[in-house]
Protein backbone atom coordinates (compact mmCIF):
# COMPACT_ATOMS: atom_id res chain seq x y z
CA MET A 1 0.16 0.06 -0.10
CA PHE A 2 3.08 2.24 0.75
CA ILE A 3 4.41 1.73 -2.01
CA HIS A 4 1.29 2.48 -4.26
CA LYS A 5 1.74 5.62 -2.52
CA GLU A 6 5.29 6.63 -3.39
CA ILE A 7 4.35 5.17 -7.30
CA ILE A 8 1.22 7.97 -7.34
CA VAL A 9 3.04 10.47 -5.39
CA VAL A 10 6.17 10.30 -7.96
CA PHE A 11 3.43 10.23 -11.12
CA ILE A 12 2.01 13.61 -9.53
CA PHE A 13 5.42 14.75 -9.25
CA LEU A 14 6.14 14.24 -12.90
CA ALA A 15 3.01 15.07 -14.37
CA ALA A 16 2.86 18.50 -12.97
CA ILE A 17 6.54 18.95 -13.50
CA THR A 18 5.54 18.18 -17.63
CA SER A 19 2.43 20.50 -17.54
CA PHE A 20 4.94 23.44 -16.20
CA LEU A 21 7.76 22.56 -19.13
CA LEU A 22 4.58 21.92 -21.68
CA ILE A 23 3.03 25.70 -20.53
CA ARG A 24 6.84 27.16 -20.25
CA PHE A 25 7.42 25.95 -24.14
CA PHE A 26 4.22 26.90 -25.53
CA ILE A 27 4.78 30.81 -23.77
CA ASP A 28 8.33 30.43 -24.94
CA PHE A 29 7.04 29.56 -28.46
CA LYS A 30 4.51 32.00 -28.51
CA ASN A 31 7.24 34.85 -27.64
CA PHE A 32 9.78 33.61 -29.74
CA ARG A 33 7.29 34.04 -32.83
CA ASP A 34 5.63 37.18 -32.05
CA LEU A 35 8.99 38.49 -32.03
CA LEU A 36 10.05 37.07 -34.74
CA ASN A 37 7.05 38.66 -36.56
CA SER A 38 7.07 42.12 -34.84
CA ASN A 39 10.53 43.17 -33.83
CA PRO A 40 13.52 40.43 -34.76
CA ASP A 41 16.14 42.65 -33.32
CA ASN A 42 15.37 41.81 -30.04
CA LEU A 43 15.61 38.15 -30.76
CA GLU A 44 19.02 38.02 -29.38
CA LYS A 45 18.67 39.99 -26.36
CA LYS A 46 15.66 37.66 -24.98
CA ASP A 47 16.73 34.31 -23.30
CA PHE A 48 14.10 31.79 -24.05
CA PHE A 49 13.74 29.22 -21.59
CA PHE A 50 13.81 25.75 -23.98
CA PHE A 51 15.65 27.55 -26.91
CA LEU A 52 18.78 28.45 -25.43
CA SER A 53 20.34 25.41 -27.69
CA PHE A 54 18.85 27.36 -30.20
CA LYS A 55 20.96 30.58 -29.65
CA PRO A 56 22.83 30.74 -32.48
CA LEU A 57 20.56 29.69 -34.80
CA VAL A 58 18.24 32.53 -33.30
CA PHE A 59 21.19 34.90 -34.31
CA SER A 60 21.53 33.68 -38.11
CA VAL A 61 17.82 34.11 -38.40
CA THR A 62 18.19 37.52 -36.84
CA LYS A 63 21.22 38.60 -39.32
CA ILE A 64 19.78 37.24 -41.88
CA LEU A 65 16.03 39.18 -41.68
CA ASN A 66 17.65 42.38 -40.51
CA GLU A 67 19.51 42.40 -43.68
CA LYS A 68 16.67 41.96 -45.64
CA ASN A 69 15.11 44.71 -44.04
CA ASP A 70 17.77 46.87 -44.87
CA VAL A 71 17.71 46.07 -48.49
CA ILE A 72 14.27 46.24 -48.33
CA GLN A 73 14.21 50.16 -46.63
CA THR A 74 17.08 51.17 -48.96
CA LYS A 75 15.05 49.88 -51.78
CA ASN A 76 12.28 52.26 -50.99
CA ARG A 77 13.88 55.31 -49.88
CA SER A 78 15.56 55.23 -53.64
CA ILE A 79 12.14 54.44 -55.04
CA PHE A 80 10.87 57.64 -53.17
CA PHE A 81 13.68 59.60 -53.79
CA PHE A 82 12.65 58.90 -57.37
CA GLN A 83 9.38 59.45 -57.45
CA ASN A 84 9.95 62.86 -55.60
CA PHE A 85 12.83 63.74 -57.59
CA PHE A 86 10.91 62.58 -60.97
CA GLN A 87 7.32 64.64 -59.67
CA ASP A 88 8.92 67.98 -58.67
CA PHE A 89 11.13 67.82 -61.73
CA PRO A 90 11.30 71.37 -63.23
CA ASP A 91 10.85 70.72 -66.55
CA PRO A 92 8.69 68.01 -68.27
CA LEU A 93 9.88 64.51 -67.53
CA LEU A 94 8.00 61.18 -69.59
CA ILE A 95 9.07 57.23 -69.77
CA ILE A 96 7.39 55.15 -72.90
CA ASP A 97 7.10 51.54 -73.36
CA PRO A 98 8.17 49.88 -76.52
CA ASN A 99 4.60 50.88 -78.07
CA ASN A 100 5.00 54.19 -77.00
CA ASN A 101 2.70 54.04 -74.30
CA ILE A 102 3.29 56.28 -71.14
CA VAL A 103 4.84 54.47 -68.12
CA GLU A 104 5.74 57.95 -65.68
CA ILE A 105 5.00 61.28 -66.65
CA ASN A 106 5.88 64.45 -64.00
CA LYS A 107 3.58 67.28 -62.69
CA GLU A 108 4.96 69.76 -65.58
CA ALA A 109 4.52 67.31 -68.29
CA THR A 110 0.83 66.61 -66.82
CA ILE A 111 0.60 70.97 -66.81
CA LEU A 112 1.44 70.81 -70.19
CA LEU A 113 -1.30 68.60 -71.76
CA GLY A 114 -3.45 70.45 -69.40
CA GLY A 115 -3.73 68.55 -66.80
CA GLU A 116 -5.15 65.48 -67.90
CA ASN A 117 -3.81 62.21 -66.44
CA TYR A 118 -2.02 59.99 -69.82
CA VAL A 119 -0.42 57.42 -68.47
CA GLU A 120 -0.85 54.31 -70.41
CA LYS A 121 -1.80 56.76 -73.48
CA ASN A 122 0.38 56.79 -76.26
CA VAL A 123 2.77 59.40 -76.54
CA LEU A 124 2.54 60.32 -79.93
CA LEU A 125 -1.24 61.18 -80.29
CA ALA A 126 -1.00 62.90 -76.01
CA PHE A 127 1.85 65.72 -77.05
CA PRO A 128 1.23 67.46 -80.27
CA ILE A 129 4.90 68.28 -80.90
CA TYR A 130 6.46 67.99 -84.55
CA GLY A 131 9.55 65.80 -84.83
CA LEU A 132 8.76 63.19 -81.54
CA ASN A 133 8.23 60.34 -83.56
CA ASP A 134 11.59 60.93 -85.28
CA LEU A 135 13.83 61.24 -81.74
CA ILE A 136 11.80 58.51 -80.55
CA LYS A 137 13.15 55.83 -83.63
CA LYS A 138 16.59 57.19 -83.63
CA VAL A 139 17.12 56.40 -79.96
CA ARG A 140 15.38 53.51 -80.04
CA SER A 141 17.06 52.28 -83.59
CA GLU A 142 20.63 53.22 -82.40
CA ASN A 143 20.50 52.39 -78.56
CA GLN A 144 21.51 55.93 -77.67
CA ASN A 145 21.47 59.05 -76.47
CA HIS A 146 19.98 62.34 -78.77
CA SER A 147 18.70 65.16 -78.54
CA SER A 148 16.24 67.19 -80.76
CA GLU A 149 14.64 70.71 -81.69
CA LEU A 150 11.00 70.20 -81.33
CA ARG A 151 8.20 72.57 -81.82
CA VAL A 152 4.46 72.29 -79.97
CA THR A 153 1.99 72.52 -82.89
CA ASP A 154 -0.79 73.37 -81.32
CA GLU A 155 -1.80 77.30 -80.41
CA LYS A 156 0.47 77.29 -77.56
CA ASP A 157 3.59 77.87 -79.75
CA ILE A 158 6.27 76.52 -77.42
CA ILE A 159 9.62 75.21 -78.44
CA PHE A 160 11.67 72.79 -76.81
CA ASN A 161 14.99 70.81 -76.66
CA ALA A 162 14.08 67.35 -76.36
CA TRP A 163 16.70 64.80 -75.18
CA ALA A 164 15.89 61.51 -74.73
CA THR A 165 17.57 57.83 -73.43
CA VAL A 166 17.07 54.28 -73.53
CA PHE A 167 16.85 52.06 -70.84
CA LYS A 168 16.34 48.57 -69.68
CA LYS A 169 13.64 47.71 -66.62
CA GLN A 170 12.69 44.28 -66.10
CA GLU A 171 13.71 42.97 -69.39
CA GLN A 172 11.89 45.77 -71.29
CA GLN A 173 13.38 48.46 -73.55
CA LEU A 174 12.11 51.77 -72.29
CA ILE A 175 12.28 55.68 -73.08
CA PHE A 176 13.41 58.45 -70.98
CA ILE A 177 12.52 62.00 -72.56
CA ARG A 178 13.50 65.57 -71.20
CA LEU A 179 11.50 68.81 -72.42
CA TYR A 180 13.70 72.04 -71.87
CA ASN A 181 11.74 74.66 -72.86
CA ILE A 182 13.65 77.15 -75.16
CA THR A 183 10.91 79.42 -76.37
CA SER A 184 12.33 82.54 -74.68
CA GLU A 185 15.82 81.95 -75.83
CA LYS A 186 14.53 81.21 -79.85
CA LYS A 187 11.91 84.23 -79.70
CA PHE A 188 15.16 86.26 -78.41
CA GLN A 189 17.18 85.73 -80.97
CA ILE A 190 14.22 85.99 -83.40
CA LEU A 191 14.59 89.60 -81.41
CA GLN A 192 18.48 90.15 -82.18
CA ASN A 193 17.99 89.80 -85.98
CA GLU A 194 15.11 91.94 -86.49
CA PHE A 195 16.92 94.51 -84.13
CA VAL A 196 20.18 94.32 -86.51
CA ALA A 197 17.64 94.21 -89.79
CA ASN A 198 15.51 97.35 -88.84
CA ALA A 199 18.78 99.27 -87.48
CA SER A 200 20.42 98.73 -90.88
CA HIS A 201 17.40 99.60 -93.22
CA GLU A 202 16.34 102.82 -90.96
CA LEU A 203 19.87 103.93 -90.36
CA ARG A 204 21.12 103.53 -93.92
CA THR A 205 19.04 106.86 -95.01
CA PRO A 206 20.39 109.53 -92.46
CA ILE A 207 24.10 107.70 -92.49
CA SER A 208 23.58 108.60 -95.96
CA SER A 209 22.44 111.90 -96.13
CA ILE A 210 25.41 112.96 -93.91
CA GLN A 211 27.77 110.90 -96.02
CA GLY A 212 26.66 113.21 -99.07
CA TYR A 213 26.55 116.69 -97.00
CA CYS A 214 30.03 115.62 -95.49
CA GLU A 215 31.12 115.10 -98.87
CA THR A 216 29.99 118.40 -100.63
CA LEU A 217 31.12 120.20 -97.49
CA LEU A 218 34.68 119.29 -98.50
CA GLY A 219 34.34 119.81 -102.17
CA VAL A 220 32.57 122.40 -103.58
CA GLY A 221 31.00 123.54 -100.23
CA LYS A 222 34.55 124.24 -98.37
CA ASN A 223 34.67 127.97 -98.80
CA ASP A 224 31.34 128.85 -98.45
CA PRO A 225 29.90 130.05 -95.06
CA LYS A 226 26.21 130.05 -95.81
CA ILE A 227 26.76 126.21 -97.51
CA ARG A 228 28.68 125.03 -94.44
CA ASN A 229 26.73 126.49 -91.98
CA LYS A 230 23.03 125.24 -93.73
CA PHE A 231 25.08 121.49 -94.76
CA LEU A 232 25.89 121.47 -90.51
CA ARG A 233 22.44 121.97 -89.49
CA ILE A 234 21.19 119.58 -91.35
CA ILE A 235 24.13 116.80 -90.45
CA GLN A 236 23.43 117.99 -86.59
CA LYS A 237 19.84 117.23 -87.56
CA GLU A 238 20.14 113.79 -88.79
CA ILE A 239 22.87 113.13 -85.93
CA TYR A 240 19.77 113.48 -83.44
CA ARG A 241 17.63 111.88 -85.55
CA MET A 242 19.82 108.76 -85.49
CA LYS A 243 19.98 108.87 -81.60
CA ALA A 244 16.44 108.99 -81.22
CA LEU A 245 15.88 106.47 -84.11
CA VAL A 246 18.30 104.12 -82.11
CA ASP A 247 17.23 105.25 -78.49
CA ASP A 248 13.50 103.90 -79.37
CA MET A 249 15.01 100.81 -80.93
CA LEU A 250 17.04 99.75 -78.07
CA SER A 251 13.98 101.02 -75.91
CA LEU A 252 11.73 98.46 -77.57
CA PHE A 253 14.14 95.55 -77.54
CA LYS A 254 14.54 96.06 -73.83
CA ILE A 255 10.65 95.72 -73.61
CA GLU A 256 9.93 93.02 -76.11
CA ARG A 257 12.23 90.69 -74.89
CA PHE A 258 10.87 91.11 -71.31
CA GLU A 259 7.41 91.89 -71.92
CA HIS A 260 5.48 88.15 -70.68
CA GLU A 261 7.10 89.70 -66.78
CA ILE A 262 4.39 91.34 -65.26
CA PRO A 263 5.35 94.39 -63.15
CA GLU A 264 5.27 93.53 -59.78
CA THR A 265 4.90 97.56 -58.41
CA ASN A 266 1.99 99.92 -58.26
CA PHE A 267 1.74 103.59 -59.27
CA ASP A 268 -0.75 106.71 -58.57
CA ILE A 269 -2.65 107.13 -61.60
CA LYS A 270 -3.43 111.30 -60.06
CA LEU A 271 0.47 111.66 -59.42
CA LEU A 272 1.09 110.80 -63.20
CA LEU A 273 -1.25 113.13 -64.62
CA ASP A 274 -0.07 115.89 -62.52
CA ASP A 275 3.97 115.07 -63.45
CA LEU A 276 2.46 114.94 -67.05
CA GLU A 277 1.00 118.18 -67.05
CA GLN A 278 3.87 120.00 -65.56
CA ILE A 279 5.73 118.76 -68.54
CA PHE A 280 4.20 119.65 -71.25
CA GLU A 281 2.95 122.99 -69.67
CA SER A 282 6.48 124.67 -70.80
CA GLY A 283 6.97 125.89 -74.29
CA LYS A 284 5.27 125.69 -77.53
CA LYS A 285 3.06 122.38 -75.58
CA LYS A 286 1.25 124.65 -72.97
CA LYS A 287 -1.98 125.74 -74.69
CA LEU A 288 -2.27 122.36 -76.13
CA ILE A 289 -3.49 120.35 -73.71
CA LYS A 290 -6.60 120.23 -71.10
CA PHE A 291 -6.33 117.50 -68.36
CA THR A 292 -9.00 116.28 -66.68
CA LYS A 293 -7.73 114.23 -63.46
CA PRO A 294 -9.00 112.86 -60.78
CA ARG A 295 -9.49 114.35 -57.32
CA THR A 296 -7.64 111.95 -54.98
CA SER A 297 -4.34 109.50 -55.49
CA ILE A 298 -5.92 106.39 -57.45
CA ILE A 299 -3.24 103.42 -57.64
CA ALA A 300 -3.00 101.05 -60.12
CA ASN A 301 -0.76 98.35 -60.62
CA GLY A 302 2.54 98.50 -62.96
CA SER A 303 5.30 100.85 -63.70
CA TYR A 304 5.16 104.58 -63.41
CA GLU A 305 8.27 104.86 -66.08
CA GLU A 306 6.58 102.83 -68.50
CA ILE A 307 3.25 104.10 -68.25
CA ARG A 308 4.60 107.43 -68.36
CA LYS A 309 6.31 106.27 -71.43
CA VAL A 310 3.30 105.42 -72.73
CA MET A 311 1.26 108.43 -72.29
CA THR A 312 4.25 110.95 -73.27
CA ASN A 313 4.50 109.25 -76.87
CA LEU A 314 0.10 109.43 -77.30
CA ILE A 315 0.46 113.04 -75.70
CA GLU A 316 3.69 113.74 -78.72
CA ASN A 317 1.92 111.92 -81.62
CA ALA A 318 -1.33 113.68 -80.69
CA ILE A 319 0.48 117.22 -80.82
CA LEU A 320 2.26 116.35 -84.48
CA TYR A 321 -0.64 115.28 -85.69
CA GLY A 322 -3.29 116.92 -84.20
CA SER A 323 -5.21 120.84 -85.14
CA SER A 324 -2.55 123.45 -84.43
CA GLU A 325 -6.49 125.50 -83.15
CA LYS A 326 -7.70 123.20 -81.02
CA SER A 327 -6.70 122.09 -77.47
CA ILE A 328 -5.93 117.52 -76.78
CA GLU A 329 -7.94 116.26 -74.16
CA VAL A 330 -6.42 114.19 -71.89
CA LYS A 331 -9.12 111.85 -69.62
CA TYR A 332 -8.82 109.80 -66.86
CA LYS A 333 -11.43 107.44 -66.70
CA SER A 334 -12.73 104.49 -64.42
CA SER A 335 -15.21 101.52 -63.98
CA GLU A 336 -15.34 98.15 -62.02
CA ARG A 337 -12.57 96.09 -63.97
CA HIS A 338 -10.27 99.10 -65.53
CA HIS A 339 -8.29 102.58 -65.77
CA GLU A 340 -8.63 104.42 -68.59
CA LEU A 341 -6.32 106.88 -69.75
CA GLN A 342 -7.50 108.75 -72.95
CA VAL A 343 -5.60 110.96 -75.19
CA LYS A 344 -7.87 112.94 -77.96
CA ASP A 345 -7.21 115.07 -80.51
CA PHE A 346 -8.78 117.13 -82.94
CA GLY A 347 -6.92 116.57 -86.08
CA GLN A 348 -6.70 114.92 -89.26
CA GLY A 349 -7.54 111.52 -88.46
CA ILE A 350 -6.86 107.95 -89.31
CA HIS A 351 -8.47 106.11 -92.03
CA SER A 352 -9.92 102.78 -90.37
CA LYS A 353 -7.74 100.41 -93.10
CA ASP A 354 -4.69 101.62 -91.13
CA ILE A 355 -5.69 101.60 -87.75
CA PRO A 356 -5.18 97.58 -87.24
CA PHE A 357 -1.57 98.12 -88.34
CA LEU A 358 -0.44 101.66 -86.23
CA THR A 359 1.20 100.00 -83.66
CA ASN A 360 3.77 97.70 -86.26
CA ARG A 361 7.35 99.10 -86.11
CA PHE A 362 8.17 101.47 -88.47
CA TYR A 363 4.57 101.45 -90.19
CA ARG A 364 3.29 104.68 -91.99
CA VAL A 365 -0.05 105.89 -92.39
CA SER A 366 0.01 108.08 -95.22
CA SER A 367 1.77 111.06 -96.71
CA THR A 368 0.26 113.46 -95.08
CA ARG A 369 1.24 112.06 -91.19
CA ASN A 370 5.01 111.71 -92.43
CA LYS A 371 5.47 115.08 -92.93
CA ASN A 372 7.52 115.68 -90.10
CA THR A 373 10.51 113.78 -90.26
CA ASN A 374 11.31 113.77 -86.33
CA SER A 375 8.92 110.62 -85.74
CA THR A 376 10.69 107.74 -85.52
CA GLY A 377 7.55 105.25 -86.30
CA LEU A 378 8.56 103.20 -83.27
CA GLY A 379 6.33 104.83 -80.43
CA LEU A 380 3.53 103.25 -80.90
CA ALA A 381 5.12 99.48 -81.50
CA ILE A 382 6.51 100.69 -77.27
CA VAL A 383 3.27 101.56 -76.70
CA LYS A 384 1.86 98.10 -77.72
CA HIS A 385 4.64 96.26 -75.92
CA ILE A 386 4.60 98.50 -72.81
CA LEU A 387 0.91 97.39 -72.52
CA LYS A 388 1.22 93.81 -73.26
CA ARG A 389 3.50 93.51 -69.93
CA HIS A 390 0.79 95.13 -68.02
CA ASN A 391 -2.04 92.81 -68.83
CA ALA A 392 -3.55 96.20 -71.09
CA GLN A 393 -4.63 97.39 -74.08
CA LEU A 394 -4.93 100.18 -75.85
CA LYS A 395 -7.89 101.30 -78.27
CA VAL A 396 -7.97 103.52 -80.85
CA GLU A 397 -11.34 105.37 -82.57
CA SER A 398 -10.46 107.72 -85.41
CA GLU A 399 -12.87 109.73 -87.98
CA VAL A 400 -11.06 110.87 -91.05
CA GLY A 401 -10.98 114.77 -90.33
CA LYS A 402 -12.76 115.12 -87.14
CA GLY A 403 -9.47 113.76 -84.81
CA SER A 404 -8.48 110.57 -82.65
CA THR A 405 -8.74 109.02 -79.46
CA PHE A 406 -6.39 106.93 -78.25
CA SER A 407 -7.38 104.72 -74.92
CA VAL A 408 -5.00 102.68 -71.99
CA CYS A 409 -7.26 100.60 -70.48
CA MET A 410 -5.27 98.88 -67.57
CA PRO A 411 -6.74 96.37 -65.43
CA ASN A 412 -8.38 97.90 -62.10
CA SER A 413 -5.91 95.72 -59.62
CA VAL A 414 -3.04 96.52 -57.73
CA VAL A 415 -0.32 94.12 -55.73
C-alpha cells in the first residue's frame, strides 16, 4: 500500500513538471514567434527557456532578417527619392514603353497636357509635338542618347530642346524623355535678328544723307560759309534723328524681351497726370493740352516710368498730328474692372484701314502724317509692348477729318 502511494506521488510530481514544461514551452514558442514577426532585433537579447540551445540559430535568423530589412528600406528610400525627384523636376519628363505608351509622367508634363492623366496612352497622340516620333525612332534604333529641337504644333507655340535616352527595366526597353523649354531663348534670337535688320535699314538713310553733305562740305562748299552752316545744321538734325531712332530701337528691344514679366509695383495715376501736366506746360506745348484728373490718389498696378512713357508717346503724337487751332484732351476714366487714360486730338484723323497696323514697327499711315521726319516710327510699337507687359490694351477710335482718341485700358488691380 505504501509503495502504491509512493508511485502515485512520483506520478503526480512528474505530471506537474511535465505540465509546467509544456506550458513554458508554449509560452516561449509564442513569444519567439511574436518577436520574430514584430521585432527580430530583440531575439538575441531575449533568453528563452527552451531555446537556449538554439541561440546560434536565433542569431543567424536575426542577421538574415536584418539584412533583408535593410535591403527593403534602401530600395524603398531609392524609390521614394526617384519618385519625388521625378515629379518635382522643373521640366516635363516622360518614360515610355516599346509601344510608345506613357509609363510615367511628371507634374510639368501633365501641366503641358492641360492637367489630364495620360498614363498608358500613346505619347504621340498625347503630345502634339512635331519631330517627337523621329527622335523616339532614332533613340530606339541606335540604342543611344539623342537630342533634338521640337515645336508644339498647337496654339501654344512652344519650342523644346528634347533629350532622350534608352534603358532597361525588367527586360523591357524603356525611353526617358526630357523636354527643356527654349521658347524664350528662340524669341530672343529672333528679336536680335530683327533689331539688326531694322537698325541696318533705318539708319542707312540718315547715314547716306550725312555722307553726302560731308562730301559737299569737303568739296564745293568748303569755302562757302552759307553752304557750310546750312549743311552742318542738316547734319546735326540727322544725327539727332539717328540718336532718337537708336534710343527707341533699344527701348523696344528691351521691352519686347521682358514683355511677359508683369510688373510687381504700383503707381499713382493722379501723380502721373500731375507730372505729365507739368512736363507739357513748358514752351510750345503749353496751350495745347487740357487735363482732366482724379481729385484723389488712384493706385494701379504697373511701372510708373513705363506708363509715363506710354502717355508721353500718345500726347506727343497728338501734338504732332492734331489740329494747331484746337486743344488736346487728356482724361482719366474708371470702371469696376478698368482704369482708362484717354488722349484725344481734333486733327486729320486716321482711315479705318490703317488702324489695325498703327502699332507695327515703322508703319507709315500716309504721306500727310509723315511730313514731320522727327518721328522714328517706333512710338506706338513701344506703347503696344509696354501695355502687353501690363496686361493692358490700346483702343483707337478715329474719324477722318475730325480727329482720334487713343485709350489705355489697364486692369483695376494692385499688387
